[in-house]
Amino acid sequence: MPCNAVVLANCIYEIGEVTPENITAAFKRYRDQRYLHVKKMITKSKVMGMIQYGQTWKDRLVRHVMFNWIPKKVQTEQYMKDAAVRPQACYLPQVENRGSAPVIPQEPSKRFVEEQARKNKSVVV
């Protein structure tokens, strides 16, 4: 999933001095940020696979209920919740949200902000 790669890249970018402790801390931050979300999405993927491709009568019944009885609004709301997590690379300027769906805000990179401040300070002088 691209989100995982971006979050891992952000954690590695924030390392600063490369030491075993900092690398371990970066991977711990990555796990703290992504583990629960990924675990939830894997479970959801298994359930959706069973619903879409299941062959038993129970699977067919669940598929019929999911696609015919659950209102489209409920399905759309669930999709919007899943699509709200859209991390961006913290070492690049942030792109504004141009879509119609809400996005969970991302914490700015302290290192990137400091680098931009130093860069702007040197340009102004």
PDB file of N, CA and C in Angstrom:
ATOM      1  N   MET A   1       0.850  -1.179   0.000  1.00  0.00           N
ATOM      2  CA  MET A   1       0.000   0.000   0.000  1.00  0.00           C
ATOM      3  C   MET A   1       0.896   1.244   0.000  1.00  0.00           C
ATOM      4  N   PRO A   2       0.651   2.185  -0.897  1.00  0.00           N
ATOM      5  CA  PRO A   2       1.499   3.380  -0.988  1.00  0.00           C
ATOM      6  C   PRO A   2       1.538   4.188   0.309  1.00  0.00           C
ATOM      7  N   CYS A   3       0.440   4.201   1.057  1.00  0.00           N
ATOM      8  CA  CYS A   3       0.417   4.966   2.313  1.00  0.00           C
ATOM      9  C   CYS A   3       1.508   4.479   3.255  1.00  0.00           C
ATOM     10  N   ASN A   4       1.685   3.159   3.331  1.00  0.00           N
ATOM     11  CA  ASN A   4       2.697   2.609   4.231  1.00  0.00           C
ATOM     12  C   ASN A   4       4.091   3.053   3.825  1.00  0.00           C
ATOM     13  N   ALA A   5       4.371   3.072   2.538  1.00  0.00           N
ATOM     14  CA  ALA A   5       5.689   3.490   2.054  1.00  0.00           C
ATOM     15  C   ALA A   5       5.940   4.960   2.373  1.00  0.00           C
ATOM     16  N   VAL A   6       4.927   5.791   2.214  1.00  0.00           N
ATOM     17  CA  VAL A   6       5.080   7.223   2.490  1.00  0.00           C
ATOM     18  C   VAL A   6       5.316   7.451   3.980  1.00  0.00           C
ATOM     19  N   VAL A   7       4.551   6.777   4.822  1.00  0.00           N
ATOM     20  CA  VAL A   7       4.720   6.942   6.269  1.00  0.00           C
ATOM     21  C   VAL A   7       6.106   6.457   6.696  1.00  0.00           C
ATOM     22  N   LEU A   8       6.564   5.335   6.153  1.00  0.00           N
ATOM     23  CA  LEU A   8       7.901   4.841   6.484  1.00  0.00           C
ATOM     24  C   LEU A   8       8.975   5.825   6.014  1.00  0.00           C
ATOM     25  N   ALA A   9       8.821   6.364   4.813  1.00  0.00           N
ATOM     26  CA  ALA A   9       9.781   7.358   4.311  1.00  0.00           C
ATOM     27  C   ALA A   9       9.801   8.590   5.210  1.00  0.00           C
ATOM     28  N   ASN A  10       8.635   9.025   5.681  1.00  0.00           N
ATOM     29  CA  ASN A  10       8.567  10.177   6.589  1.00  0.00           C
ATOM     30  C   ASN A  10       9.285   9.886   7.906  1.00  0.00           C
ATOM     31  N   CYS A  11       9.087   8.691   8.444  1.00  0.00           N
ATOM     32  CA  CYS A  11       9.748   8.327   9.704  1.00  0.00           C
ATOM     33  C   CYS A  11      11.261   8.271   9.530  1.00  0.00           C
ATOM     34  N   ILE A  12      11.714   7.733   8.415  1.00  0.00           N
ATOM     35  CA  ILE A  12      13.155   7.660   8.152  1.00  0.00           C
ATOM     36  C   ILE A  12      13.728   9.058   7.940  1.00  0.00           C
ATOM     37  N   TYR A  13      12.987   9.924   7.263  1.00  0.00           N
ATOM     38  CA  TYR A  13      13.440  11.299   7.027  1.00  0.00           C
ATOM     39  C   TYR A  13      13.670  12.036   8.342  1.00  0.00           C
ATOM     40  N   GLU A  14      12.841  11.765   9.335  1.00  0.00           N
ATOM     41  CA  GLU A  14      12.928  12.460  10.625  1.00  0.00           C
ATOM     42  C   GLU A  14      14.066  11.953  11.509  1.00  0.00           C
ATOM     43  N   ILE A  15      14.790  10.929  11.079  1.00  0.00           N
ATOM     44  CA  ILE A  15      15.838  10.335  11.919  1.00  0.00           C
ATOM     45  C   ILE A  15      16.876  11.355  12.359  1.00  0.00           C
ATOM     46  N   GLY A  16      17.360  12.162  11.441  1.00  0.00           N
ATOM     47  CA  GLY A  16      18.446  13.080  11.780  1.00  0.00           C
ATOM     48  C   GLY A  16      19.760  12.330  11.739  1.00  0.00           C
ATOM     49  N   GLU A  17      20.418  12.208  12.889  1.00  0.00           N
ATOM     50  CA  GLU A  17      21.681  11.465  12.955  1.00  0.00           C
ATOM     51  C   GLU A  17      21.388   9.967  12.879  1.00  0.00           C
ATOM     52  N   VAL A  18      22.108   9.278  12.016  1.00  0.00           N
ATOM     53  CA  VAL A  18      21.861   7.849  11.806  1.00  0.00           C
ATOM     54  C   VAL A  18      22.612   7.038  12.852  1.00  0.00           C
ATOM     55  N   THR A  19      21.858   6.554  13.828  1.00  0.00           N
ATOM     56  CA  THR A  19      22.389   5.658  14.850  1.00  0.00           C
ATOM     57  C   THR A  19      21.415   4.492  14.974  1.00  0.00           C
ATOM     58  N   PRO A  20      21.871   3.366  15.507  1.00  0.00           N
ATOM     59  CA  PRO A  20      20.946   2.235  15.675  1.00  0.00           C
ATOM     60  C   PRO A  20      19.716   2.599  16.510  1.00  0.00           C
ATOM     61  N   GLU A  21      19.906   3.429  17.523  1.00  0.00           N
ATOM     62  CA  GLU A  21      18.779   3.824  18.375  1.00  0.00           C
ATOM     63  C   GLU A  21      17.765   4.658  17.590  1.00  0.00           C
ATOM     64  N   ASN A  22      18.266   5.593  16.778  1.00  0.00           N
ATOM     65  CA  ASN A  22      17.364   6.440  15.989  1.00  0.00           C
ATOM     66  C   ASN A  22      16.635   5.636  14.922  1.00  0.00           C
ATOM     67  N   ILE A  23      17.325   4.673  14.323  1.00  0.00           N
ATOM     68  CA  ILE A  23      16.673   3.821  13.320  1.00  0.00           C
ATOM     69  C   ILE A  23      15.580   2.990  13.976  1.00  0.00           C
ATOM     70  N   THR A  24      15.888   2.421  15.141  1.00  0.00           N
ATOM     71  CA  THR A  24      14.885   1.652  15.880  1.00  0.00           C
ATOM     72  C   THR A  24      13.708   2.539  16.259  1.00  0.00           C
ATOM     73  N   ALA A  25      13.985   3.756  16.692  1.00  0.00           N
ATOM     74  CA  ALA A  25      12.913   4.692  17.055  1.00  0.00           C
ATOM     75  C   ALA A  25      12.056   5.035  15.840  1.00  0.00           C
ATOM     76  N   ALA A  26      12.675   5.173  14.664  1.00  0.00           N
ATOM     77  CA  ALA A  26      11.917   5.480  13.443  1.00  0.00           C
ATOM     78  C   ALA A  26      10.964   4.342  13.105  1.00  0.00           C
ATOM     79  N   PHE A  27      11.455   3.107  13.200  1.00  0.00           N
ATOM     80  CA  PHE A  27      10.578   1.972  12.915  1.00  0.00           C
ATOM     81  C   PHE A  27       9.489   1.830  13.972  1.00  0.00           C
ATOM     82  N   LYS A  28       9.778   2.196  15.214  1.00  0.00           N
ATOM     83  CA  LYS A  28       8.750   2.163  16.263  1.00  0.00           C
ATOM     84  C   LYS A  28       7.667   3.209  15.973  1.00  0.00           C
ATOM     85  N   ARG A  29       8.091   4.417  15.554  1.00  0.00           N
ATOM     86  CA  ARG A  29       7.107   5.445  15.189  1.00  0.00           C
ATOM     87  C   ARG A  29       6.238   4.970  14.026  1.00  0.00           C
ATOM     88  N   TYR A  30       6.878   4.323  13.056  1.00  0.00           N
ATOM     89  CA  TYR A  30       6.136   3.785  11.908  1.00  0.00           C
ATOM     90  C   TYR A  30       5.098   2.774  12.378  1.00  0.00           C
ATOM     91  N   ARG A  31       5.515   1.853  13.249  1.00  0.00           N
ATOM     92  CA  ARG A  31       4.586   0.833  13.748  1.00  0.00           C
ATOM     93  C   ARG A  31       3.447   1.488  14.527  1.00  0.00           C
ATOM     94  N   ASP A  32       3.779   2.464  15.359  1.00  0.00           N
ATOM     95  CA  ASP A  32       2.746   3.153  16.138  1.00  0.00           C
ATOM     96  C   ASP A  32       1.723   3.834  15.235  1.00  0.00           C
ATOM     97  N   GLN A  33       2.186   4.387  14.121  1.00  0.00           N
ATOM     98  CA  GLN A  33       1.286   5.108  13.223  1.00  0.00           C
ATOM     99  C   GLN A  33       0.445   4.177  12.358  1.00  0.00           C
ATOM    100  N   ARG A  34       0.980   3.052  11.925  1.00  0.00           N
ATOM    101  CA  ARG A  34       0.328   2.254  10.890  1.00  0.00           C
ATOM    102  C   ARG A  34      -0.243   0.918  11.346  1.00  0.00           C
ATOM    103  N   TYR A  35       0.239   0.349  12.437  1.00  0.00           N
ATOM    104  CA  TYR A  35      -0.112  -1.028  12.772  1.00  0.00           C
ATOM    105  C   TYR A  35      -1.616  -1.250  12.899  1.00  0.00           C
ATOM    106  N   LEU A  36      -2.285  -0.451  13.710  1.00  0.00           N
ATOM    107  CA  LEU A  36      -3.722  -0.668  13.917  1.00  0.00           C
ATOM    108  C   LEU A  36      -4.511  -0.481  12.625  1.00  0.00           C
ATOM    109  N   HIS A  37      -4.142   0.532  11.847  1.00  0.00           N
ATOM    110  CA  HIS A  37      -4.839   0.778  10.582  1.00  0.00           C
ATOM    111  C   HIS A  37      -4.644  -0.393   9.615  1.00  0.00           C
ATOM    112  N   VAL A  38      -3.419  -0.867   9.500  1.00  0.00           N
ATOM    113  CA  VAL A  38      -3.134  -1.976   8.580  1.00  0.00           C
ATOM    114  C   VAL A  38      -3.832  -3.245   9.044  1.00  0.00           C
ATOM    115  N   LYS A  39      -3.824  -3.497  10.337  1.00  0.00           N
ATOM    116  CA  LYS A  39      -4.497  -4.684  10.876  1.00  0.00           C
ATOM    117  C   LYS A  39      -5.992  -4.640  10.551  1.00  0.00           C
ATOM    118  N   LYS A  40      -6.597  -3.467  10.716  1.00  0.00           N
ATOM    119  CA  LYS A  40      -8.019  -3.309  10.401  1.00  0.00           C
ATOM    120  C   LYS A  40      -8.278  -3.527   8.911  1.00  0.00           C
ATOM    121  N   MET A  41      -7.405  -2.985   8.069  1.00  0.00           N
ATOM    122  CA  MET A  41      -7.603  -3.116   6.622  1.00  0.00           C
ATOM    123  C   MET A  41      -7.398  -4.557   6.148  1.00  0.00           C
ATOM    124  N   ILE A  42      -6.491  -5.304   6.760  1.00  0.00           N
ATOM    125  CA  ILE A  42      -6.301  -6.708   6.390  1.00  0.00           C
ATOM    126  C   ILE A  42      -7.547  -7.507   6.731  1.00  0.00           C
ATOM    127  N   THR A  43      -8.106  -7.271   7.904  1.00  0.00           N
ATOM    128  CA  THR A  43      -9.338  -7.951   8.290  1.00  0.00           C
ATOM    129  C   THR A  43     -10.466  -7.595   7.330  1.00  0.00           C
ATOM    130  N   LYS A  44     -10.589  -6.312   7.010  1.00  0.00           N
ATOM    131  CA  LYS A  44     -11.627  -5.868   6.084  1.00  0.00           C
ATOM    132  C   LYS A  44     -11.431  -6.498   4.701  1.00  0.00           C
ATOM    133  N   SER A  45     -10.190  -6.618   4.264  1.00  0.00           N
ATOM    134  CA  SER A  45      -9.891  -7.219   2.964  1.00  0.00           C
ATOM    135  C   SER A  45     -10.311  -8.684   2.926  1.00  0.00           C
ATOM    136  N   LYS A  46     -10.058  -9.407   4.009  1.00  0.00           N
ATOM    137  CA  LYS A  46     -10.469 -10.817   4.072  1.00  0.00           C
ATOM    138  C   LYS A  46     -11.985 -10.943   3.979  1.00  0.00           C
ATOM    139  N   VAL A  47     -12.684 -10.093   4.717  1.00  0.00           N
ATOM    140  CA  VAL A  47     -14.150 -10.134   4.697  1.00  0.00           C
ATOM    141  C   VAL A  47     -14.678  -9.777   3.313  1.00  0.00           C
ATOM    142  N   MET A  48     -14.126  -8.724   2.708  1.00  0.00           N
ATOM    143  CA  MET A  48     -14.593  -8.326   1.372  1.00  0.00           C
ATOM    144  C   MET A  48     -14.277  -9.402   0.333  1.00  0.00           C
ATOM    145  N   GLY A  49     -13.146 -10.077   0.457  1.00  0.00           N
ATOM    146  CA  GLY A  49     -12.828 -11.179  -0.443  1.00  0.00           C
ATOM    147  C   GLY A  49     -13.832 -12.299  -0.315  1.00  0.00           C
ATOM    148  N   MET A  50     -14.209 -12.623   0.922  1.00  0.00           N
ATOM    149  CA  MET A  50     -15.212 -13.660   1.149  1.00  0.00           C
ATOM    150  C   MET A  50     -16.558 -13.246   0.559  1.00  0.00           C
ATOM    151  N   ILE A  51     -16.915 -11.979   0.730  1.00  0.00           N
ATOM    152  CA  ILE A  51     -18.198 -11.503   0.209  1.00  0.00           C
ATOM    153  C   ILE A  51     -18.203 -11.515  -1.316  1.00  0.00           C
ATOM    154  N   GLN A  52     -17.142 -11.037  -1.929  1.00  0.00           N
ATOM    155  CA  GLN A  52     -17.124 -10.921  -3.386  1.00  0.00           C
ATOM    156  C   GLN A  52     -16.912 -12.245  -4.095  1.00  0.00           C
ATOM    157  N   TYR A  53     -16.092 -13.130  -3.521  1.00  0.00           N
ATOM    158  CA  TYR A  53     -15.714 -14.338  -4.253  1.00  0.00           C
ATOM    159  C   TYR A  53     -16.150 -15.631  -3.590  1.00  0.00           C
ATOM    160  N   GLY A  54     -16.837 -15.539  -2.452  1.00  0.00           N
ATOM    161  CA  GLY A  54     -17.267 -16.742  -1.756  1.00  0.00           C
ATOM    162  C   GLY A  54     -18.261 -17.553  -2.580  1.00  0.00           C
ATOM    163  N   GLN A  55     -18.205 -18.881  -2.444  1.00  0.00           N
ATOM    164  CA  GLN A  55     -19.027 -19.768  -3.262  1.00  0.00           C
ATOM    165  C   GLN A  55     -20.135 -20.469  -2.484  1.00  0.00           C
ATOM    166  N   THR A  56     -20.109 -20.422  -1.165  1.00  0.00           N
ATOM    167  CA  THR A  56     -21.136 -21.122  -0.400  1.00  0.00           C
ATOM    168  C   THR A  56     -22.437 -20.327  -0.421  1.00  0.00           C
ATOM    169  N   TRP A  57     -23.532 -20.965  -0.019  1.00  0.00           N
ATOM    170  CA  TRP A  57     -24.829 -20.276  -0.016  1.00  0.00           C
ATOM    171  C   TRP A  57     -24.809 -19.116   0.977  1.00  0.00           C
ATOM    172  N   LYS A  58     -24.071 -19.283   2.090  1.00  0.00           N
ATOM    173  CA  LYS A  58     -23.961 -18.213   3.088  1.00  0.00           C
ATOM    174  C   LYS A  58     -23.251 -16.998   2.475  1.00  0.00           C
ATOM    175  N   ASP A  59     -22.160 -17.245   1.742  1.00  0.00           N
ATOM    176  CA  ASP A  59     -21.429 -16.151   1.089  1.00  0.00           C
ATOM    177  C   ASP A  59     -22.319 -15.433   0.083  1.00  0.00           C
ATOM    178  N   ARG A  60     -23.091 -16.191  -0.675  1.00  0.00           N
ATOM    179  CA  ARG A  60     -23.989 -15.582  -1.667  1.00  0.00           C
ATOM    180  C   ARG A  60     -25.072 -14.745  -0.993  1.00  0.00           C
ATOM    181  N   LEU A  61     -25.593 -15.238   0.137  1.00  0.00           N
ATOM    182  CA  LEU A  61     -26.615 -14.492   0.870  1.00  0.00           C
ATOM    183  C   LEU A  61     -26.042 -13.175   1.399  1.00  0.00           C
ATOM    184  N   VAL A  62     -24.853 -13.241   1.998  1.00  0.00           N
ATOM    185  CA  VAL A  62     -24.215 -12.028   2.522  1.00  0.00           C
ATOM    186  C   VAL A  62     -23.941 -11.046   1.384  1.00  0.00           C
ATOM    187  N   ARG A  63     -23.458 -11.547   0.245  1.00  0.00           N
ATOM    188  CA  ARG A  63     -23.182 -10.697  -0.918  1.00  0.00           C
ATOM    189  C   ARG A  63     -24.467 -10.017  -1.397  1.00  0.00           C
ATOM    190  N   HIS A  64     -25.554 -10.767  -1.453  1.00  0.00           N
ATOM    191  CA  HIS A  64     -26.832 -10.199  -1.896  1.00  0.00           C
ATOM    192  C   HIS A  64     -27.283  -9.083  -0.947  1.00  0.00           C
ATOM    193  N   VAL A  65     -27.171  -9.325   0.347  1.00  0.00           N
ATOM    194  CA  VAL A  65     -27.571  -8.309   1.331  1.00  0.00           C
ATOM    195  C   VAL A  65     -26.672  -7.081   1.214  1.00  0.00           C
ATOM    196  N   MET A  66     -25.360  -7.304   1.124  1.00  0.00           N
ATOM    197  CA  MET A  66     -24.413  -6.179   1.050  1.00  0.00           C
ATOM    198  C   MET A  66     -24.663  -5.290  -0.162  1.00  0.00           C
ATOM    199  N   PHE A  67     -24.861  -5.892  -1.310  1.00  0.00           N
ATOM    200  CA  PHE A  67     -24.952  -5.106  -2.535  1.00  0.00           C
ATOM    201  C   PHE A  67     -26.368  -4.673  -2.898  1.00  0.00           C
ATOM    202  N   ASN A  68     -27.379  -5.257  -2.277  1.00  0.00           N
ATOM    203  CA  ASN A  68     -28.748  -4.913  -2.654  1.00  0.00           C
ATOM    204  C   ASN A  68     -29.562  -4.260  -1.542  1.00  0.00           C
ATOM    205  N   TRP A  69     -29.245  -4.524  -0.294  1.00  0.00           N
ATOM    206  CA  TRP A  69     -30.064  -3.991   0.786  1.00  0.00           C
ATOM    207  C   TRP A  69     -29.408  -2.843   1.536  1.00  0.00           C
ATOM    208  N   ILE A  70     -28.100  -2.827   1.600  1.00  0.00           N
ATOM    209  CA  ILE A  70     -27.422  -1.738   2.313  1.00  0.00           C
ATOM    210  C   ILE A  70     -27.459  -0.495   1.430  1.00  0.00           C
ATOM    211  N   PRO A  71     -27.946   0.619   1.962  1.00  0.00           N
ATOM    212  CA  PRO A  71     -28.061   1.837   1.146  1.00  0.00           C
ATOM    213  C   PRO A  71     -26.705   2.300   0.607  1.00  0.00           C
ATOM    214  N   LYS A  72     -26.732   2.888  -0.577  1.00  0.00           N
ATOM    215  CA  LYS A  72     -25.508   3.397  -1.211  1.00  0.00           C
ATOM    216  C   LYS A  72     -24.838   4.452  -0.329  1.00  0.00           C
ATOM    217  N   LYS A  73     -25.652   5.224   0.398  1.00  0.00           N
ATOM    218  CA  LYS A  73     -25.099   6.259   1.269  1.00  0.00           C
ATOM    219  C   LYS A  73     -24.193   5.643   2.339  1.00  0.00           C
ATOM    220  N   VAL A  74     -24.611   4.538   2.923  1.00  0.00           N
ATOM    221  CA  VAL A  74     -23.807   3.862   3.943  1.00  0.00           C
ATOM    222  C   VAL A  74     -22.518   3.330   3.321  1.00  0.00           C
ATOM    223  N   GLN A  75     -22.624   2.747   2.126  1.00  0.00           N
ATOM    224  CA  GLN A  75     -21.435   2.241   1.434  1.00  0.00           C
ATOM    225  C   GLN A  75     -20.467   3.383   1.123  1.00  0.00           C
ATOM    226  N   THR A  76     -21.004   4.512   0.671  1.00  0.00           N
ATOM    227  CA  THR A  76     -20.169   5.667   0.335  1.00  0.00           C
ATOM    228  C   THR A  76     -19.487   6.232   1.575  1.00  0.00           C
ATOM    229  N   GLU A  77     -20.220   6.322   2.688  1.00  0.00           N
ATOM    230  CA  GLU A  77     -19.632   6.826   3.934  1.00  0.00           C
ATOM    231  C   GLU A  77     -18.468   5.948   4.383  1.00  0.00           C
ATOM    232  N   GLN A  78     -18.625   4.642   4.262  1.00  0.00           N
ATOM    233  CA  GLN A  78     -17.545   3.738   4.650  1.00  0.00           C
ATOM    234  C   GLN A  78     -16.336   3.922   3.743  1.00  0.00           C
ATOM    235  N   TYR A  79     -16.581   4.088   2.459  1.00  0.00           N
ATOM    236  CA  TYR A  79     -15.478   4.315   1.518  1.00  0.00           C
ATOM    237  C   TYR A  79     -14.745   5.615   1.861  1.00  0.00           C
ATOM    238  N   MET A  80     -15.499   6.664   2.193  1.00  0.00           N
ATOM    239  CA  MET A  80     -14.882   7.952   2.536  1.00  0.00           C
ATOM    240  C   MET A  80     -14.009   7.834   3.786  1.00  0.00           C
ATOM    241  N   LYS A  81     -14.447   7.047   4.762  1.00  0.00           N
ATOM    242  CA  LYS A  81     -13.631   6.839   5.963  1.00  0.00           C
ATOM    243  C   LYS A  81     -12.320   6.157   5.602  1.00  0.00           C
ATOM    244  N   ASP A  82     -12.404   5.155   4.737  1.00  0.00           N
ATOM    245  CA  ASP A  82     -11.197   4.424   4.340  1.00  0.00           C
ATOM    246  C   ASP A  82     -10.262   5.294   3.512  1.00  0.00           C
ATOM    247  N   ALA A  83     -10.814   6.189   2.710  1.00  0.00           N
ATOM    248  CA  ALA A  83     -10.002   7.019   1.813  1.00  0.00           C
ATOM    249  C   ALA A  83      -9.497   8.298   2.478  1.00  0.00           C
ATOM    250  N   ALA A  84      -9.846   8.537   3.735  1.00  0.00           N
ATOM    251  CA  ALA A  84      -9.465   9.782   4.407  1.00  0.00           C
ATOM    252  C   ALA A  84      -7.988   9.816   4.788  1.00  0.00           C
ATOM    253  N   VAL A  85      -7.352   8.669   4.854  1.00  0.00           N
ATOM    254  CA  VAL A  85      -5.934   8.611   5.207  1.00  0.00           C
ATOM    255  C   VAL A  85      -5.127   8.720   3.923  1.00  0.00           C
ATOM    256  N   ARG A  86      -4.538   9.897   3.707  1.00  0.00           N
ATOM    257  CA  ARG A  86      -3.742  10.138   2.496  1.00  0.00           C
ATOM    258  C   ARG A  86      -2.466  10.883   2.867  1.00  0.00           C
ATOM    259  N   PRO A  87      -1.487  10.162   3.419  1.00  0.00           N
ATOM    260  CA  PRO A  87      -0.253  10.848   3.815  1.00  0.00           C
ATOM    261  C   PRO A  87       0.547  11.329   2.612  1.00  0.00           C
ATOM    262  N   GLN A  88       1.285  12.399   2.838  1.00  0.00           N
ATOM    263  CA  GLN A  88       2.165  12.954   1.812  1.00  0.00           C
ATOM    264  C   GLN A  88       3.596  12.918   2.332  1.00  0.00           C
ATOM    265  N   ALA A  89       4.540  12.905   1.414  1.00  0.00           N
ATOM    266  CA  ALA A  89       5.949  12.924   1.809  1.00  0.00           C
ATOM    267  C   ALA A  89       6.231  14.226   2.550  1.00  0.00           C
ATOM    268  N   CYS A  90       6.734  14.105   3.767  1.00  0.00           N
ATOM    269  CA  CYS A  90       6.927  15.297   4.605  1.00  0.00           C
ATOM    270  C   CYS A  90       8.134  16.123   4.189  1.00  0.00           C
ATOM    271  N   TYR A  91       8.986  15.597   3.330  1.00  0.00           N
ATOM    272  CA  TYR A  91      10.177  16.336   2.897  1.00  0.00           C
ATOM    273  C   TYR A  91       9.930  17.112   1.612  1.00  0.00           C
ATOM    274  N   LEU A  92       8.665  17.184   1.199  1.00  0.00           N
ATOM    275  CA  LEU A  92       8.251  17.984   0.046  1.00  0.00           C
ATOM    276  C   LEU A  92       7.162  18.946   0.495  1.00  0.00           C
ATOM    277  N   PRO A  93       6.977  20.065  -0.197  1.00  0.00           N
ATOM    278  CA  PRO A  93       5.868  20.957   0.156  1.00  0.00           C
ATOM    279  C   PRO A  93       4.532  20.210   0.054  1.00  0.00           C
ATOM    280  N   GLN A  94       3.650  20.468   1.014  1.00  0.00           N
ATOM    281  CA  GLN A  94       2.365  19.777   1.050  1.00  0.00           C
ATOM    282  C   GLN A  94       1.459  20.230  -0.091  1.00  0.00           C
ATOM    283  N   VAL A  95       0.738  19.292  -0.654  1.00  0.00           N
ATOM    284  CA  VAL A  95      -0.218  19.579  -1.716  1.00  0.00           C
ATOM    285  C   VAL A  95      -1.574  19.780  -1.061  1.00  0.00           C
ATOM    286  N   GLU A  96      -2.282  20.807  -1.466  1.00  0.00           N
ATOM    287  CA  GLU A  96      -3.595  21.061  -0.876  1.00  0.00           C
ATOM    288  C   GLU A  96      -4.590  19.998  -1.339  1.00  0.00           C
ATOM    289  N   ASN A  97      -5.606  19.779  -0.524  1.00  0.00           N
ATOM    290  CA  ASN A  97      -6.647  18.819  -0.867  1.00  0.00           C
ATOM    291  C   ASN A  97      -7.556  19.447  -1.914  1.00  0.00           C
ATOM    292  N   ARG A  98      -7.576  18.871  -3.100  1.00  0.00           N
ATOM    293  CA  ARG A  98      -8.418  19.392  -4.169  1.00  0.00           C
ATOM    294  C   ARG A  98      -9.646  18.521  -4.396  1.00  0.00           C
ATOM    295  N   GLY A  99      -9.805  17.501  -3.593  1.00  0.00           N
ATOM    296  CA  GLY A  99     -10.936  16.602  -3.750  1.00  0.00           C
ATOM    297  C   GLY A  99     -12.129  17.061  -2.937  1.00  0.00           C
ATOM    298  N   SER A 100     -13.204  16.319  -3.049  1.00  0.00           N
ATOM    299  CA  SER A 100     -14.421  16.663  -2.319  1.00  0.00           C
ATOM    300  C   SER A 100     -14.514  15.913  -0.996  1.00  0.00           C
ATOM    301  N   ALA A 101     -13.679  14.902  -0.798  1.00  0.00           N
ATOM    302  CA  ALA A 101     -13.725  14.116   0.433  1.00  0.00           C
ATOM    303  C   ALA A 101     -12.783  14.712   1.476  1.00  0.00           C
ATOM    304  N   PRO A 102     -13.167  14.629   2.743  1.00  0.00           N
ATOM    305  CA  PRO A 102     -12.284  15.144   3.795  1.00  0.00           C
ATOM    306  C   PRO A 102     -11.040  14.267   3.941  1.00  0.00           C
ATOM    307  N   VAL A 103      -9.950  14.892   4.382  1.00  0.00           N
ATOM    308  CA  VAL A 103      -8.681  14.193   4.571  1.00  0.00           C
ATOM    309  C   VAL A 103      -8.229  14.406   6.007  1.00  0.00           C
ATOM    310  N   ILE A 104      -7.741  13.344   6.637  1.00  0.00           N
ATOM    311  CA  ILE A 104      -7.201  13.476   7.985  1.00  0.00           C
ATOM    312  C   ILE A 104      -5.928  14.312   7.895  1.00  0.00           C
ATOM    313  N   PRO A 105      -5.824  15.407   8.669  1.00  0.00           N
ATOM    314  CA  PRO A 105      -4.650  16.277   8.561  1.00  0.00           C
ATOM    315  C   PRO A 105      -3.366  15.548   8.960  1.00  0.00           C
ATOM    316  N   GLN A 106      -2.286  15.953   8.327  1.00  0.00           N
ATOM    317  CA  GLN A 106      -0.987  15.339   8.570  1.00  0.00           C
ATOM    318  C   GLN A 106      -0.137  16.267   9.412  1.00  0.00           C
ATOM    319  N   GLU A 107       0.592  15.684  10.347  1.00  0.00           N
ATOM    320  CA  GLU A 107       1.496  16.459  11.185  1.00  0.00           C
ATOM    321  C   GLU A 107       2.679  16.937  10.343  1.00  0.00           C
ATOM    322  N   PRO A 108       3.011  18.224  10.397  1.00  0.00           N
ATOM    323  CA  PRO A 108       4.143  18.703   9.589  1.00  0.00           C
ATOM    324  C   PRO A 108       5.471  18.181  10.138  1.00  0.00           C
ATOM    325  N   SER A 109       6.427  18.031   9.264  1.00  0.00           N
ATOM    326  CA  SER A 109       7.757  17.556   9.636  1.00  0.00           C
ATOM    327  C   SER A 109       8.541  18.684  10.298  1.00  0.00           C
ATOM    328  N   LYS A 110       9.036  18.432  11.501  1.00  0.00           N
ATOM    329  CA  LYS A 110       9.849  19.438  12.198  1.00  0.00           C
ATOM    330  C   LYS A 110      11.133  19.707  11.422  1.00  0.00           C
ATOM    331  N   ARG A 111      11.736  18.650  10.931  1.00  0.00           N
ATOM    332  CA  ARG A 111      12.988  18.802  10.182  1.00  0.00           C
ATOM    333  C   ARG A 111      12.771  19.614   8.910  1.00  0.00           C
ATOM    334  N   PHE A 112      11.695  19.345   8.178  1.00  0.00           N
ATOM    335  CA  PHE A 112      11.424  20.069   6.935  1.00  0.00           C
ATOM    336  C   PHE A 112      11.154  21.545   7.215  1.00  0.00           C
ATOM    337  N   VAL A 113      10.398  21.835   8.270  1.00  0.00           N
ATOM    338  CA  VAL A 113      10.103  23.226   8.635  1.00  0.00           C
ATOM    339  C   VAL A 113      11.394  23.963   8.978  1.00  0.00           C
ATOM    340  N   GLU A 114      12.278  23.315   9.745  1.00  0.00           N
ATOM    341  CA  GLU A 114      13.561  23.939  10.094  1.00  0.00           C
ATOM    342  C   GLU A 114      14.418  24.175   8.854  1.00  0.00           C
ATOM    343  N   GLU A 115      14.462  23.193   7.947  1.00  0.00           N
ATOM    344  CA  GLU A 115      15.251  23.351   6.720  1.00  0.00           C
ATOM    345  C   GLU A 115      14.712  24.485   5.853  1.00  0.00           C
ATOM    346  N   GLN A 116      13.389  24.592   5.757  1.00  0.00           N
ATOM    347  CA  GLN A 116      12.786  25.664   4.965  1.00  0.00           C
ATOM    348  C   GLN A 116      13.062  27.025   5.592  1.00  0.00           C
ATOM    349  N   ALA A 117      13.017  27.094   6.939  1.00  0.00           N
ATOM    350  CA  ALA A 117      13.303  28.357   7.626  1.00  0.00           C
ATOM    351  C   ALA A 117      14.752  28.779   7.377  1.00  0.00           C
ATOM    352  N   ARG A 118      15.697  27.830   7.455  1.00  0.00           N
ATOM    353  CA  ARG A 118      17.104  28.143   7.177  1.00  0.00           C
ATOM    354  C   ARG A 118      17.284  28.577   5.730  1.00  0.00           C
ATOM    355  N   LYS A 119      16.609  27.898   4.822  1.00  0.00           N
ATOM    356  CA  LYS A 119      16.713  28.219   3.396  1.00  0.00           C
ATOM    357  C   LYS A 119      16.169  29.622   3.126  1.00  0.00           C
ATOM    358  N   ASN A 120      15.008  29.933   3.690  1.00  0.00           N
ATOM    359  CA  ASN A 120      14.405  31.257   3.498  1.00  0.00           C
ATOM    360  C   ASN A 120      15.247  32.353   4.144  1.00  0.00           C
ATOM    361  N   LYS A 121      15.857  32.043   5.280  1.00  0.00           N
ATOM    362  CA  LYS A 121      16.696  33.012   5.974  1.00  0.00           C
ATOM    363  C   LYS A 121      17.937  33.334   5.143  1.00  0.00           C
ATOM    364  N   SER A 122      18.524  32.314   4.531  1.00  0.00           N
ATOM    365  CA  SER A 122      19.727  32.548   3.725  1.00  0.00           C
ATOM    366  C   SER A 122      19.398  33.275   2.427  1.00  0.00           C
ATOM    367  N   VAL A 123      18.207  33.087   1.891  1.00  0.00           N
ATOM    368  CA  VAL A 123      17.804  33.769   0.658  1.00  0.00           C
ATOM    369  C   VAL A 123      17.518  35.237   0.936  1.00  0.00           C
ATOM    370  N   VAL A 124      16.916  35.554   2.083  1.00  0.00           N
ATOM    371  CA  VAL A 124      16.550  36.919   2.428  1.00  0.00           C
ATOM    372  C   VAL A 124      17.790  37.774   2.641  1.00  0.00           C
ATOM    373  N   VAL A 125      18.826  37.234   3.224  1.00  0.00           N
ATOM    374  CA  VAL A 125      20.046  37.987   3.545  1.00  0.00           C
ATOM    375  C   VAL A 125      20.758  38.387   2.335  1.00  0.00           C
TER     376      VAL A 125
END
